Amino acid sequence: MAQMGKNKPITLKNLEKICKALDCTPNDVFSFDDEYVE
């Protein structure tokens, strides 16, 4: 989760572990921002 706070990529495996630990889905963890600019 530290990588998420630093705006770094995480693997799907780690996302799966987070969702299992929190009993949630990826939609509960993330939001989509269509106006993101790098």
Protein backbone atom coordinates (compact mmCIF):
# COMPACT_ATOMS: atom_id res chain seq x y z
CA MET A 1 0.00 0.00 0.00
CA ALA A 2 2.98 2.28 0.47
CA GLN A 3 3.54 2.27 -3.30
CA MET A 4 -0.05 3.34 -3.90
CA GLY A 5 0.45 6.35 -1.64
CA LYS A 6 3.54 7.33 -3.63
CA ASN A 7 1.66 7.09 -6.94
CA LYS A 8 3.74 4.09 -8.04
CA PRO A 9 2.41 1.03 -9.87
CA ILE A 10 1.44 -2.14 -8.03
CA THR A 11 0.98 -5.65 -9.38
CA LEU A 12 -2.42 -7.26 -9.77
CA LYS A 13 -1.27 -9.92 -7.31
CA ASN A 14 -0.70 -7.24 -4.66
CA LEU A 15 -4.05 -5.67 -5.49
CA GLU A 16 -5.65 -9.07 -4.97
CA LYS A 17 -3.96 -9.40 -1.56
CA ILE A 18 -5.14 -5.93 -0.51
CA CYS A 19 -8.72 -6.66 -1.57
CA LYS A 20 -8.76 -10.00 0.24
CA ALA A 21 -7.36 -8.44 3.42
CA LEU A 22 -9.91 -5.62 3.35
CA ASP A 23 -12.78 -7.80 2.06
CA CYS A 24 -13.43 -5.41 -0.81
CA THR A 25 -13.17 -5.09 -4.58
CA PRO A 26 -10.77 -2.99 -6.67
CA ASN A 27 -13.61 -0.50 -7.21
CA ASP A 28 -13.61 0.15 -3.47
CA VAL A 29 -9.86 0.88 -3.50
CA PHE A 30 -9.45 2.97 -6.68
CA SER A 31 -11.21 5.73 -8.53
CA PHE A 32 -10.83 6.60 -12.21
CA ASP A 33 -9.70 10.10 -13.17
CA ASP A 34 -10.21 10.67 -16.88
CA GLU A 35 -8.34 14.00 -16.75
CA TYR A 36 -5.00 12.54 -15.57
CA VAL A 37 -1.96 14.21 -17.16
CA GLU A 38 1.58 12.84 -16.86
